[in-house]
């Protein structure tokens, strides 16, 4: 090989190595620290922390768990009555969009740009970039076929509340502390009115955590529960549980949980560049596959994958009952009050 040919080969090799190195180092320039408050389950936080560390090797990304209601209470205290307080986080991934509407109105969010959101996302987003859906939760019913036949359990949300054969044998989450439970009662009161709450109270629905409700399905103490699909899918795969999802005939309740960046002058670490990079990664195919591994549905259009033992996401969207997020925000106290009066204080 002559010198000219050798030089050409070496140059080609150098360019190839440079390209590989550049690909590996794509996010090495994202540095500093971000604190992310999230209502995702702790096992999912562990997975997400590891994925972010691999994608952003020089970024300290700390995810902290809290139920949506608990996080709202914590952040309300930090904001103060004058809404001028500094927050102890940089990003939020909470259960439902209503809180995003509230924080935007209070001036606590920073707009983040992603490319072609209308072509990218299956669900609504803030047109100014203040929040985007990042994972899709699905409120369903569930039962234990080893304890009861399908004919003995409700196949609609309406029957869940009104079928008196279920009296004292149904359970659901607390809308005062759970964002997804709150979304559910907003959707159901829109569809059936506040009489739905009265029917739940008359049927002596138990208000408790998902883990407690699942345990009662195992023993047969509960005939049916209202719960997030992901909780059932997880124990079906990891514990070989017989507990089965019922996709209600009167519609599922999809909850597109949002990701938000706190305004630079209100955030813990003022690291907007990192927050924007993390947001874009979360909405990438790789980030969405991480979401899928947590038994939640992807928000990206065109993704054919769906969680273990679930059903096609686009088919679920067709069955979606829908939630009025403006009502969920602006009428929150009234809705919660009606629920408490009918269900927890009869």
C-alpha atoms as a PDB file:
ATOM      1  CA  UNK A   1       0.000   0.000   0.000  1.00  0.00           C
ATOM      2  CA  UNK A   2       1.453   3.361  -0.985  1.00  0.00           C
ATOM      3  CA  UNK A   3       1.613   6.363   1.337  1.00  0.00           C
ATOM      4  CA  UNK A   4      -1.372   8.077  -0.319  1.00  0.00           C
ATOM      5  CA  UNK A   5      -3.596   5.029   0.153  1.00  0.00           C
ATOM      6  CA  UNK A   6      -2.425   4.550   3.746  1.00  0.00           C
ATOM      7  CA  UNK A   7      -3.216   8.174   4.545  1.00  0.00           C
ATOM      8  CA  UNK A   8      -6.714   7.778   3.079  1.00  0.00           C
ATOM      9  CA  UNK A   9      -7.344   4.639   5.157  1.00  0.00           C
ATOM     10  CA  UNK A  10      -6.122   6.293   8.354  1.00  0.00           C
ATOM     11  CA  UNK A  11      -8.248   9.364   7.695  1.00  0.00           C
ATOM     12  CA  UNK A  12     -11.354   7.218   7.124  1.00  0.00           C
ATOM     13  CA  UNK A  13     -10.647   5.291  10.347  1.00  0.00           C
ATOM     14  CA  UNK A  14     -10.164   8.513  12.288  1.00  0.00           C
ATOM     15  CA  UNK A  15     -13.461   9.918  11.021  1.00  0.00           C
ATOM     16  CA  UNK A  16     -15.258   6.690  11.919  1.00  0.00           C
ATOM     17  CA  UNK A  17     -13.819   6.685  15.432  1.00  0.00           C
ATOM     18  CA  UNK A  18     -14.707  10.341  15.798  1.00  0.00           C
ATOM     19  CA  UNK A  19     -18.297   9.615  14.775  1.00  0.00           C
ATOM     20  CA  UNK A  20     -18.577   6.770  17.291  1.00  0.00           C
ATOM     21  CA  UNK A  21     -17.030   8.880  20.023  1.00  0.00           C
ATOM     22  CA  UNK A  22     -19.373  11.746  19.228  1.00  0.00           C
ATOM     23  CA  UNK A  23     -22.396   9.452  19.379  1.00  0.00           C
ATOM     24  CA  UNK A  24     -21.353   8.094  22.732  1.00  0.00           C
ATOM     25  CA  UNK A  25     -20.692  11.558  24.092  1.00  0.00           C
ATOM     26  CA  UNK A  26     -23.890  13.172  22.815  1.00  0.00           C
ATOM     27  CA  UNK A  27     -25.070  14.177  26.306  1.00  0.00           C
ATOM     28  CA  UNK A  28     -21.742  14.411  28.117  1.00  0.00           C
ATOM     29  CA  UNK A  29     -21.998  18.204  27.947  1.00  0.00           C
ATOM     30  CA  UNK A  30     -25.110  18.179  30.162  1.00  0.00           C
ATOM     31  CA  UNK A  31     -23.776  18.787  33.646  1.00  0.00           C
ATOM     32  CA  UNK A  32     -24.766  19.975  37.102  1.00  0.00           C
ATOM     33  CA  UNK A  33     -27.762  18.751  39.073  1.00  0.00           C
ATOM     34  CA  UNK A  34     -31.515  18.451  38.660  1.00  0.00           C
ATOM     35  CA  UNK A  35     -34.048  17.368  41.269  1.00  0.00           C
ATOM     36  CA  UNK A  36     -37.200  15.761  39.859  1.00  0.00           C
ATOM     37  CA  UNK A  37     -40.275  15.263  42.024  1.00  0.00           C
ATOM     38  CA  UNK A  38     -42.442  12.443  40.702  1.00  0.00           C
ATOM     39  CA  UNK A  39     -45.432  10.304  41.594  1.00  0.00           C
ATOM     40  CA  UNK A  40     -44.013   7.299  39.722  1.00  0.00           C
ATOM     41  CA  UNK A  41     -43.648   4.166  41.812  1.00  0.00           C
ATOM     42  CA  UNK A  42     -40.292   3.687  43.610  1.00  0.00           C
ATOM     43  CA  UNK A  43     -39.282   0.702  41.417  1.00  0.00           C
ATOM     44  CA  UNK A  44     -39.778   2.910  38.355  1.00  0.00           C
ATOM     45  CA  UNK A  45     -37.741   5.695  39.943  1.00  0.00           C
ATOM     46  CA  UNK A  46     -34.853   3.247  40.310  1.00  0.00           C
ATOM     47  CA  UNK A  47     -35.092   2.270  36.638  1.00  0.00           C
ATOM     48  CA  UNK A  48     -35.365   5.874  35.481  1.00  0.00           C
ATOM     49  CA  UNK A  49     -32.425   6.970  37.641  1.00  0.00           C
ATOM     50  CA  UNK A  50     -30.213   4.292  36.082  1.00  0.00           C
ATOM     51  CA  UNK A  51     -31.350   5.190  32.551  1.00  0.00           C
ATOM     52  CA  UNK A  52     -30.694   8.889  33.081  1.00  0.00           C
ATOM     53  CA  UNK A  53     -27.244   8.152  34.504  1.00  0.00           C
ATOM     54  CA  UNK A  54     -26.360   6.198  31.382  1.00  0.00           C
ATOM     55  CA  UNK A  55     -27.722   8.862  29.048  1.00  0.00           C
ATOM     56  CA  UNK A  56     -26.316  11.849  30.987  1.00  0.00           C
ATOM     57  CA  UNK A  57     -23.105  10.593  32.629  1.00  0.00           C
ATOM     58  CA  UNK A  58     -22.095  14.019  33.965  1.00  0.00           C
ATOM     59  CA  UNK A  59     -25.505  15.026  35.273  1.00  0.00           C
ATOM     60  CA  UNK A  60     -26.657  14.350  38.823  1.00  0.00           C
ATOM     61  CA  UNK A  61     -30.355  13.596  38.324  1.00  0.00           C
ATOM     62  CA  UNK A  62     -32.143  12.958  41.613  1.00  0.00           C
ATOM     63  CA  UNK A  63     -35.713  11.635  41.494  1.00  0.00           C
ATOM     64  CA  UNK A  64     -37.805  11.919  44.647  1.00  0.00           C
ATOM     65  CA  UNK A  65     -41.122  10.129  45.157  1.00  0.00           C
ATOM     66  CA  UNK A  66     -44.384  11.537  46.464  1.00  0.00           C
ATOM     67  CA  UNK A  67     -48.077  11.084  45.779  1.00  0.00           C
ATOM     68  CA  UNK A  68     -49.461  13.933  43.707  1.00  0.00           C
ATOM     69  CA  UNK A  69     -51.520  15.298  46.595  1.00  0.00           C
ATOM     70  CA  UNK A  70     -48.572  15.153  48.973  1.00  0.00           C
ATOM     71  CA  UNK A  71     -46.312  16.913  46.452  1.00  0.00           C
ATOM     72  CA  UNK A  72     -48.918  19.617  45.922  1.00  0.00           C
ATOM     73  CA  UNK A  73     -49.086  20.224  49.663  1.00  0.00           C
ATOM     74  CA  UNK A  74     -45.294  20.358  49.950  1.00  0.00           C
ATOM     75  CA  UNK A  75     -44.886  22.774  47.053  1.00  0.00           C
ATOM     76  CA  UNK A  76     -47.756  24.977  48.232  1.00  0.00           C
ATOM     77  CA  UNK A  77     -45.867  25.452  51.484  1.00  0.00           C
ATOM     78  CA  UNK A  78     -42.695  26.392  49.594  1.00  0.00           C
ATOM     79  CA  UNK A  79     -44.537  28.850  47.356  1.00  0.00           C
ATOM     80  CA  UNK A  80     -46.068  30.631  50.305  1.00  0.00           C
ATOM     81  CA  UNK A  81     -49.219  32.715  50.361  1.00  0.00           C
ATOM     82  CA  UNK A  82     -47.596  35.371  48.176  1.00  0.00           C
ATOM     83  CA  UNK A  83     -46.554  32.795  45.514  1.00  0.00           C
ATOM     84  CA  UNK A  84     -42.983  34.050  45.550  1.00  0.00           C
ATOM     85  CA  UNK A  85     -41.222  31.182  47.291  1.00  0.00           C
ATOM     86  CA  UNK A  86     -38.338  29.121  45.970  1.00  0.00           C
ATOM     87  CA  UNK A  87     -39.026  25.450  45.202  1.00  0.00           C
ATOM     88  CA  UNK A  88     -36.790  22.556  46.191  1.00  0.00           C
ATOM     89  CA  UNK A  89     -37.044  20.862  42.782  1.00  0.00           C
ATOM     90  CA  UNK A  90     -36.251  21.623  39.138  1.00  0.00           C
ATOM     91  CA  UNK A  91     -38.739  19.357  37.365  1.00  0.00           C
ATOM     92  CA  UNK A  92     -42.052  17.681  38.121  1.00  0.00           C
ATOM     93  CA  UNK A  93     -43.613  14.488  36.756  1.00  0.00           C
ATOM     94  CA  UNK A  94     -46.973  14.248  38.499  1.00  0.00           C
ATOM     95  CA  UNK A  95     -50.128  12.318  37.797  1.00  0.00           C
ATOM     96  CA  UNK A  96     -52.348  14.672  35.827  1.00  0.00           C
ATOM     97  CA  UNK A  97     -52.361  17.911  33.765  1.00  0.00           C
ATOM     98  CA  UNK A  98     -54.585  19.942  36.100  1.00  0.00           C
ATOM     99  CA  UNK A  99     -51.642  20.776  38.361  1.00  0.00           C
ATOM    100  CA  UNK A 100     -49.667  21.885  35.306  1.00  0.00           C
ATOM    101  CA  UNK A 101     -52.415  24.400  34.504  1.00  0.00           C
ATOM    102  CA  UNK A 102     -52.201  25.706  38.055  1.00  0.00           C
ATOM    103  CA  UNK A 103     -48.410  26.084  38.151  1.00  0.00           C
ATOM    104  CA  UNK A 104     -48.398  27.795  34.762  1.00  0.00           C
ATOM    105  CA  UNK A 105     -50.982  30.282  35.976  1.00  0.00           C
ATOM    106  CA  UNK A 106     -48.879  30.973  39.074  1.00  0.00           C
ATOM    107  CA  UNK A 107     -45.795  31.686  36.940  1.00  0.00           C
ATOM    108  CA  UNK A 108     -43.799  28.740  38.284  1.00  0.00           C
ATOM    109  CA  UNK A 109     -43.038  26.997  34.981  1.00  0.00           C
ATOM    110  CA  UNK A 110     -40.396  27.486  32.295  1.00  0.00           C
ATOM    111  CA  UNK A 111     -41.267  26.758  28.654  1.00  0.00           C
ATOM    112  CA  UNK A 112     -39.235  23.981  27.060  1.00  0.00           C
ATOM    113  CA  UNK A 113     -38.933  23.449  23.325  1.00  0.00           C
ATOM    114  CA  UNK A 114     -39.303  20.057  21.684  1.00  0.00           C
ATOM    115  CA  UNK A 115     -39.326  19.431  17.947  1.00  0.00           C
ATOM    116  CA  UNK A 116     -42.689  19.010  16.178  1.00  0.00           C
ATOM    117  CA  UNK A 117     -44.841  18.205  19.234  1.00  0.00           C
ATOM    118  CA  UNK A 118     -48.016  18.018  17.116  1.00  0.00           C
ATOM    119  CA  UNK A 119     -46.466  15.229  15.048  1.00  0.00           C
ATOM    120  CA  UNK A 120     -44.872  13.561  18.058  1.00  0.00           C
ATOM    121  CA  UNK A 121     -47.535  13.303  20.762  1.00  0.00           C
ATOM    122  CA  UNK A 122     -50.750  11.297  21.064  1.00  0.00           C
ATOM    123  CA  UNK A 123     -52.135  13.613  23.751  1.00  0.00           C
ATOM    124  CA  UNK A 124     -52.645  17.341  24.330  1.00  0.00           C
ATOM    125  CA  UNK A 125     -49.711  19.505  25.401  1.00  0.00           C
ATOM    126  CA  UNK A 126     -49.221  23.141  26.290  1.00  0.00           C
ATOM    127  CA  UNK A 127     -48.762  25.018  22.989  1.00  0.00           C
ATOM    128  CA  UNK A 128     -46.250  27.348  24.638  1.00  0.00           C
ATOM    129  CA  UNK A 129     -44.165  24.421  25.894  1.00  0.00           C
ATOM    130  CA  UNK A 130     -44.876  24.747  29.610  1.00  0.00           C
ATOM    131  CA  UNK A 131     -45.852  21.071  29.962  1.00  0.00           C
ATOM    132  CA  UNK A 132     -45.980  17.881  27.922  1.00  0.00           C
ATOM    133  CA  UNK A 133     -47.495  14.433  28.522  1.00  0.00           C
ATOM    134  CA  UNK A 134     -44.747  11.954  29.340  1.00  0.00           C
ATOM    135  CA  UNK A 135     -46.550   8.723  30.363  1.00  0.00           C
ATOM    136  CA  UNK A 136     -50.105   7.490  30.143  1.00  0.00           C
ATOM    137  CA  UNK A 137     -51.858   5.983  33.148  1.00  0.00           C
ATOM    138  CA  UNK A 138     -55.087   4.053  32.750  1.00  0.00           C
ATOM    139  CA  UNK A 139     -57.807   3.820  35.412  1.00  0.00           C
ATOM    140  CA  UNK A 140     -59.679   0.532  35.128  1.00  0.00           C
ATOM    141  CA  UNK A 141     -61.477  -2.073  37.214  1.00  0.00           C
ATOM    142  CA  UNK A 142     -59.989  -5.377  38.370  1.00  0.00           C
ATOM    143  CA  UNK A 143     -61.153  -8.644  39.892  1.00  0.00           C
ATOM    144  CA  UNK A 144     -59.883 -12.068  40.955  1.00  0.00           C
ATOM    145  CA  UNK A 145     -61.274 -14.845  38.716  1.00  0.00           C
ATOM    146  CA  UNK A 146     -60.220 -17.433  41.300  1.00  0.00           C
ATOM    147  CA  UNK A 147     -62.708 -15.932  43.781  1.00  0.00           C
ATOM    148  CA  UNK A 148     -65.533 -14.626  41.584  1.00  0.00           C
ATOM    149  CA  UNK A 149     -66.782 -15.225  38.064  1.00  0.00           C
ATOM    150  CA  UNK A 150     -67.008 -12.401  35.551  1.00  0.00           C
ATOM    151  CA  UNK A 151     -70.795 -12.568  35.896  1.00  0.00           C
ATOM    152  CA  UNK A 152     -70.468 -11.639  39.598  1.00  0.00           C
ATOM    153  CA  UNK A 153     -68.382  -8.479  39.087  1.00  0.00           C
ATOM    154  CA  UNK A 154     -69.046  -5.120  37.405  1.00  0.00           C
ATOM    155  CA  UNK A 155     -67.995  -4.576  33.816  1.00  0.00           C
ATOM    156  CA  UNK A 156     -68.765  -0.842  33.857  1.00  0.00           C
ATOM    157  CA  UNK A 157     -67.829   2.001  36.188  1.00  0.00           C
ATOM    158  CA  UNK A 158     -71.567   2.660  36.553  1.00  0.00           C
ATOM    159  CA  UNK A 159     -72.240  -0.839  37.858  1.00  0.00           C
ATOM    160  CA  UNK A 160     -69.221  -0.560  40.170  1.00  0.00           C
ATOM    161  CA  UNK A 161     -71.094   2.174  42.046  1.00  0.00           C
ATOM    162  CA  UNK A 162     -74.705   1.075  41.605  1.00  0.00           C
ATOM    163  CA  UNK A 163     -74.755  -2.746  41.765  1.00  0.00           C
ATOM    164  CA  UNK A 164     -75.942  -3.453  45.320  1.00  0.00           C
ATOM    165  CA  UNK A 165     -74.574  -7.012  45.234  1.00  0.00           C
ATOM    166  CA  UNK A 166     -71.187  -5.323  45.600  1.00  0.00           C
ATOM    167  CA  UNK A 167     -72.125  -3.461  48.802  1.00  0.00           C
ATOM    168  CA  UNK A 168     -69.083  -3.321  51.085  1.00  0.00           C
ATOM    169  CA  UNK A 169     -66.934  -5.298  48.658  1.00  0.00           C
ATOM    170  CA  UNK A 170     -65.441  -2.568  46.450  1.00  0.00           C
ATOM    171  CA  UNK A 171     -62.407  -0.328  46.871  1.00  0.00           C
ATOM    172  CA  UNK A 172     -60.774   2.691  45.223  1.00  0.00           C
ATOM    173  CA  UNK A 173     -58.028   5.281  45.832  1.00  0.00           C
ATOM    174  CA  UNK A 174     -58.332   8.565  47.689  1.00  0.00           C
ATOM    175  CA  UNK A 175     -58.887  11.586  45.406  1.00  0.00           C
ATOM    176  CA  UNK A 176     -57.656  13.887  48.171  1.00  0.00           C
ATOM    177  CA  UNK A 177     -54.152  12.453  47.893  1.00  0.00           C
ATOM    178  CA  UNK A 178     -54.051  10.646  44.540  1.00  0.00           C
ATOM    179  CA  UNK A 179     -54.000  12.629  41.306  1.00  0.00           C
ATOM    180  CA  UNK A 180     -55.250   9.681  39.270  1.00  0.00           C
ATOM    181  CA  UNK A 181     -58.131   9.004  41.666  1.00  0.00           C
ATOM    182  CA  UNK A 182     -59.001  12.697  41.420  1.00  0.00           C
ATOM    183  CA  UNK A 183     -58.962  12.490  37.631  1.00  0.00           C
ATOM    184  CA  UNK A 184     -61.261   9.468  37.812  1.00  0.00           C
ATOM    185  CA  UNK A 185     -63.918  11.132  39.948  1.00  0.00           C
ATOM    186  CA  UNK A 186     -63.841  14.226  37.726  1.00  0.00           C
ATOM    187  CA  UNK A 187     -64.479  12.074  34.629  1.00  0.00           C
ATOM    188  CA  UNK A 188     -67.151   9.993  36.344  1.00  0.00           C
ATOM    189  CA  UNK A 189     -68.982  12.999  37.807  1.00  0.00           C
ATOM    190  CA  UNK A 190     -68.938  14.591  34.343  1.00  0.00           C
ATOM    191  CA  UNK A 191     -70.500  11.459  32.862  1.00  0.00           C
ATOM    192  CA  UNK A 192     -72.939  10.538  35.627  1.00  0.00           C
ATOM    193  CA  UNK A 193     -73.255  13.635  37.822  1.00  0.00           C
ATOM    194  CA  UNK A 194     -72.664  13.894  41.559  1.00  0.00           C
ATOM    195  CA  UNK A 195     -75.211  11.102  42.029  1.00  0.00           C
ATOM    196  CA  UNK A 196     -72.316   8.805  41.150  1.00  0.00           C
ATOM    197  CA  UNK A 197     -70.633   9.774  44.423  1.00  0.00           C
ATOM    198  CA  UNK A 198     -73.850   9.083  46.332  1.00  0.00           C
ATOM    199  CA  UNK A 199     -74.038   5.624  44.768  1.00  0.00           C
ATOM    200  CA  UNK A 200     -70.435   4.922  45.801  1.00  0.00           C
ATOM    201  CA  UNK A 201     -71.264   5.961  49.355  1.00  0.00           C
ATOM    202  CA  UNK A 202     -74.405   3.832  49.452  1.00  0.00           C
ATOM    203  CA  UNK A 203     -72.351   0.905  48.178  1.00  0.00           C
ATOM    204  CA  UNK A 204     -69.868   1.500  51.026  1.00  0.00           C
ATOM    205  CA  UNK A 205     -66.804   1.792  48.810  1.00  0.00           C
ATOM    206  CA  UNK A 206     -63.564   1.487  50.775  1.00  0.00           C
ATOM    207  CA  UNK A 207     -61.043   4.288  50.258  1.00  0.00           C
ATOM    208  CA  UNK A 208     -57.536   2.878  50.517  1.00  0.00           C
ATOM    209  CA  UNK A 209     -54.202   2.353  48.805  1.00  0.00           C
ATOM    210  CA  UNK A 210     -53.826   0.231  45.693  1.00  0.00           C
ATOM    211  CA  UNK A 211     -51.688  -2.326  47.529  1.00  0.00           C
ATOM    212  CA  UNK A 212     -54.356  -2.787  50.199  1.00  0.00           C
ATOM    213  CA  UNK A 213     -57.075  -3.109  47.570  1.00  0.00           C
ATOM    214  CA  UNK A 214     -55.081  -5.718  45.643  1.00  0.00           C
ATOM    215  CA  UNK A 215     -54.543  -7.714  48.829  1.00  0.00           C
ATOM    216  CA  UNK A 216     -58.307  -7.743  49.389  1.00  0.00           C
ATOM    217  CA  UNK A 217     -58.852  -9.032  45.864  1.00  0.00           C
ATOM    218  CA  UNK A 218     -56.436 -11.864  46.612  1.00  0.00           C
ATOM    219  CA  UNK A 219     -58.411 -12.928  49.691  1.00  0.00           C
ATOM    220  CA  UNK A 220     -61.829 -12.329  48.152  1.00  0.00           C
ATOM    221  CA  UNK A 221     -62.760  -9.580  50.622  1.00  0.00           C
ATOM    222  CA  UNK A 222     -63.198  -7.313  47.595  1.00  0.00           C
ATOM    223  CA  UNK A 223     -65.133  -8.387  44.522  1.00  0.00           C
ATOM    224  CA  UNK A 224     -63.849  -5.516  42.378  1.00  0.00           C
ATOM    225  CA  UNK A 225     -61.596  -2.495  42.709  1.00  0.00           C
ATOM    226  CA  UNK A 226     -60.994   0.710  40.782  1.00  0.00           C
ATOM    227  CA  UNK A 227     -57.249   0.879  40.211  1.00  0.00           C
ATOM    228  CA  UNK A 228     -54.502   1.850  37.788  1.00  0.00           C
ATOM    229  CA  UNK A 229     -53.910  -0.748  35.119  1.00  0.00           C
ATOM    230  CA  UNK A 230     -50.144  -0.673  35.751  1.00  0.00           C
ATOM    231  CA  UNK A 231     -50.586  -1.995  39.295  1.00  0.00           C
ATOM    232  CA  UNK A 232     -52.381  -5.082  38.008  1.00  0.00           C
ATOM    233  CA  UNK A 233     -50.027  -5.676  35.080  1.00  0.00           C
ATOM    234  CA  UNK A 234     -47.025  -5.513  37.405  1.00  0.00           C
ATOM    235  CA  UNK A 235     -48.242  -8.241  39.768  1.00  0.00           C
ATOM    236  CA  UNK A 236     -49.462 -10.395  36.872  1.00  0.00           C
ATOM    237  CA  UNK A 237     -45.973 -10.433  35.394  1.00  0.00           C
ATOM    238  CA  UNK A 238     -43.800 -10.334  38.495  1.00  0.00           C
ATOM    239  CA  UNK A 239     -45.925 -12.425  40.883  1.00  0.00           C
ATOM    240  CA  UNK A 240     -47.894 -14.556  38.417  1.00  0.00           C
ATOM    241  CA  UNK A 241     -51.062 -13.186  40.021  1.00  0.00           C
ATOM    242  CA  UNK A 242     -54.476 -14.227  38.653  1.00  0.00           C
ATOM    243  CA  UNK A 243     -55.900 -10.742  39.243  1.00  0.00           C
ATOM    244  CA  UNK A 244     -57.313  -9.526  35.958  1.00  0.00           C
ATOM    245  CA  UNK A 245     -58.000  -6.127  34.405  1.00  0.00           C
ATOM    246  CA  UNK A 246     -61.543  -5.231  33.377  1.00  0.00           C
ATOM    247  CA  UNK A 247     -61.613  -2.569  30.669  1.00  0.00           C
ATOM    248  CA  UNK A 248     -64.989  -0.989  31.517  1.00  0.00           C
ATOM    249  CA  UNK A 249     -67.597  -1.001  28.778  1.00  0.00           C
ATOM    250  CA  UNK A 250     -68.519   2.610  29.542  1.00  0.00           C
ATOM    251  CA  UNK A 251     -64.940   3.746  28.922  1.00  0.00           C
ATOM    252  CA  UNK A 252     -61.480   3.710  30.432  1.00  0.00           C
ATOM    253  CA  UNK A 253     -60.051   6.842  32.042  1.00  0.00           C
ATOM    254  CA  UNK A 254     -56.692   7.734  30.530  1.00  0.00           C
ATOM    255  CA  UNK A 255     -54.500  10.114  32.505  1.00  0.00           C
ATOM    256  CA  UNK A 256     -51.609  11.594  30.482  1.00  0.00           C
ATOM    257  CA  UNK A 257     -49.167  12.487  33.247  1.00  0.00           C
ATOM    258  CA  UNK A 258     -47.090  15.563  32.545  1.00  0.00           C
ATOM    259  CA  UNK A 259     -43.464  16.647  32.743  1.00  0.00           C
ATOM    260  CA  UNK A 260     -42.772  20.263  33.709  1.00  0.00           C
ATOM    261  CA  UNK A 261     -39.693  22.423  34.209  1.00  0.00           C
ATOM    262  CA  UNK A 262     -39.721  24.884  37.084  1.00  0.00           C
ATOM    263  CA  UNK A 263     -38.989  28.497  36.169  1.00  0.00           C
ATOM    264  CA  UNK A 264     -35.280  29.300  36.447  1.00  0.00           C
ATOM    265  CA  UNK A 265     -35.759  31.935  39.153  1.00  0.00           C
ATOM    266  CA  UNK A 266     -37.935  29.562  41.229  1.00  0.00           C
ATOM    267  CA  UNK A 267     -36.053  26.274  40.833  1.00  0.00           C
ATOM    268  CA  UNK A 268     -33.570  24.560  43.117  1.00  0.00           C
ATOM    269  CA  UNK A 269     -30.597  24.434  40.740  1.00  0.00           C
ATOM    270  CA  UNK A 270     -31.481  26.824  37.862  1.00  0.00           C
ATOM    271  CA  UNK A 271     -30.315  24.214  35.343  1.00  0.00           C
ATOM    272  CA  UNK A 272     -32.695  24.840  32.445  1.00  0.00           C
ATOM    273  CA  UNK A 273     -30.359  23.332  29.847  1.00  0.00           C
ATOM    274  CA  UNK A 274     -30.374  20.004  31.688  1.00  0.00           C
ATOM    275  CA  UNK A 275     -34.148  20.100  32.220  1.00  0.00           C
ATOM    276  CA  UNK A 276     -34.711  20.650  28.505  1.00  0.00           C
ATOM    277  CA  UNK A 277     -32.350  17.803  27.605  1.00  0.00           C
ATOM    278  CA  UNK A 278     -34.047  15.431  30.056  1.00  0.00           C
ATOM    279  CA  UNK A 279     -37.504  16.384  28.734  1.00  0.00           C
ATOM    280  CA  UNK A 280     -36.469  15.671  25.161  1.00  0.00           C
ATOM    281  CA  UNK A 281     -34.955  12.336  26.193  1.00  0.00           C
ATOM    282  CA  UNK A 282     -38.115  11.339  28.073  1.00  0.00           C
ATOM    283  CA  UNK A 283     -40.137  11.937  24.909  1.00  0.00           C
ATOM    284  CA  UNK A 284     -37.678  10.068  22.685  1.00  0.00           C
ATOM    285  CA  UNK A 285     -38.306   6.455  21.695  1.00  0.00           C
ATOM    286  CA  UNK A 286     -35.666   5.325  24.174  1.00  0.00           C
ATOM    287  CA  UNK A 287     -37.230   7.315  26.993  1.00  0.00           C
ATOM    288  CA  UNK A 288     -40.688   6.063  26.122  1.00  0.00           C
ATOM    289  CA  UNK A 289     -39.505   2.458  26.171  1.00  0.00           C
ATOM    290  CA  UNK A 290     -38.309   3.106  29.700  1.00  0.00           C
ATOM    291  CA  UNK A 291     -41.851   4.261  30.495  1.00  0.00           C
ATOM    292  CA  UNK A 292     -43.269   1.098  28.917  1.00  0.00           C
ATOM    293  CA  UNK A 293     -41.068  -1.029  31.163  1.00  0.00           C
ATOM    294  CA  UNK A 294     -42.955   0.496  34.098  1.00  0.00           C
ATOM    295  CA  UNK A 295     -46.270  -0.895  32.765  1.00  0.00           C
ATOM    296  CA  UNK A 296     -47.416   2.533  31.555  1.00  0.00           C
ATOM    297  CA  UNK A 297     -48.424   3.514  28.027  1.00  0.00           C
ATOM    298  CA  UNK A 298     -46.259   5.615  25.708  1.00  0.00           C
ATOM    299  CA  UNK A 299     -47.295   9.103  24.608  1.00  0.00           C
ATOM    300  CA  UNK A 300     -45.449   9.016  21.266  1.00  0.00           C
ATOM    301  CA  UNK A 301     -47.487   8.584  18.111  1.00  0.00           C
ATOM    302  CA  UNK A 302     -46.700   5.550  16.023  1.00  0.00           C
ATOM    303  CA  UNK A 303     -45.254   3.409  18.810  1.00  0.00           C
ATOM    304  CA  UNK A 304     -46.787  -0.034  18.444  1.00  0.00           C
ATOM    305  CA  UNK A 305     -45.404  -1.301  21.754  1.00  0.00           C
ATOM    306  CA  UNK A 306     -47.695  -1.361  24.775  1.00  0.00           C
ATOM    307  CA  UNK A 307     -47.258  -2.604  28.349  1.00  0.00           C
ATOM    308  CA  UNK A 308     -47.127  -6.293  29.238  1.00  0.00           C
ATOM    309  CA  UNK A 309     -50.525  -8.025  29.013  1.00  0.00           C
ATOM    310  CA  UNK A 310     -52.320  -4.783  28.118  1.00  0.00           C
ATOM    311  CA  UNK A 311     -53.952  -3.706  24.853  1.00  0.00           C
ATOM    312  CA  UNK A 312     -53.082  -1.351  22.010  1.00  0.00           C
ATOM    313  CA  UNK A 313     -52.736   2.228  23.242  1.00  0.00           C
ATOM    314  CA  UNK A 314     -54.563   3.753  20.274  1.00  0.00           C
ATOM    315  CA  UNK A 315     -57.452   1.325  20.880  1.00  0.00           C
ATOM    316  CA  UNK A 316     -57.603   2.524  24.493  1.00  0.00           C
ATOM    317  CA  UNK A 317     -57.693   6.134  23.316  1.00  0.00           C
ATOM    318  CA  UNK A 318     -60.840   5.261  21.365  1.00  0.00           C
ATOM    319  CA  UNK A 319     -62.404   3.971  24.617  1.00  0.00           C
ATOM    320  CA  UNK A 320     -61.229   6.951  26.691  1.00  0.00           C
ATOM    321  CA  UNK A 321     -63.954   8.621  28.762  1.00  0.00           C
ATOM    322  CA  UNK A 322     -61.960  11.852  28.844  1.00  0.00           C
ATOM    323  CA  UNK A 323     -61.192  14.225  31.713  1.00  0.00           C
ATOM    324  CA  UNK A 324     -61.980  17.956  31.786  1.00  0.00           C
ATOM    325  CA  UNK A 325     -58.635  19.185  33.117  1.00  0.00           C
ATOM    326  CA  UNK A 326     -59.827  22.784  33.479  1.00  0.00           C
ATOM    327  CA  UNK A 327     -62.639  21.564  35.721  1.00  0.00           C
ATOM    328  CA  UNK A 328     -60.213  19.284  37.561  1.00  0.00           C
ATOM    329  CA  UNK A 329     -58.173  22.398  38.407  1.00  0.00           C
ATOM    330  CA  UNK A 330     -60.725  25.168  38.891  1.00  0.00           C
ATOM    331  CA  UNK A 331     -63.466  23.092  40.564  1.00  0.00           C
ATOM    332  CA  UNK A 332     -61.128  20.874  42.575  1.00  0.00           C
ATOM    333  CA  UNK A 333     -62.355  21.934  46.017  1.00  0.00           C
ATOM    334  CA  UNK A 334     -66.026  21.601  45.068  1.00  0.00           C
ATOM    335  CA  UNK A 335     -65.539  18.129  43.567  1.00  0.00           C
ATOM    336  CA  UNK A 336     -63.538  16.908  46.533  1.00  0.00           C
ATOM    337  CA  UNK A 337     -66.135  18.346  48.914  1.00  0.00           C
ATOM    338  CA  UNK A 338     -68.971  16.563  47.116  1.00  0.00           C
ATOM    339  CA  UNK A 339     -67.010  13.311  47.206  1.00  0.00           C
ATOM    340  CA  UNK A 340     -66.203  13.601  50.900  1.00  0.00           C
ATOM    341  CA  UNK A 341     -69.810  14.406  51.800  1.00  0.00           C
ATOM    342  CA  UNK A 342     -71.186  11.448  49.842  1.00  0.00           C
ATOM    343  CA  UNK A 343     -68.486   8.843  50.356  1.00  0.00           C
ATOM    344  CA  UNK A 344     -66.300   9.460  53.393  1.00  0.00           C
ATOM    345  CA  UNK A 345     -68.772  11.251  55.695  1.00  0.00           C
ATOM    346  CA  UNK A 346     -72.177   9.566  55.119  1.00  0.00           C
END
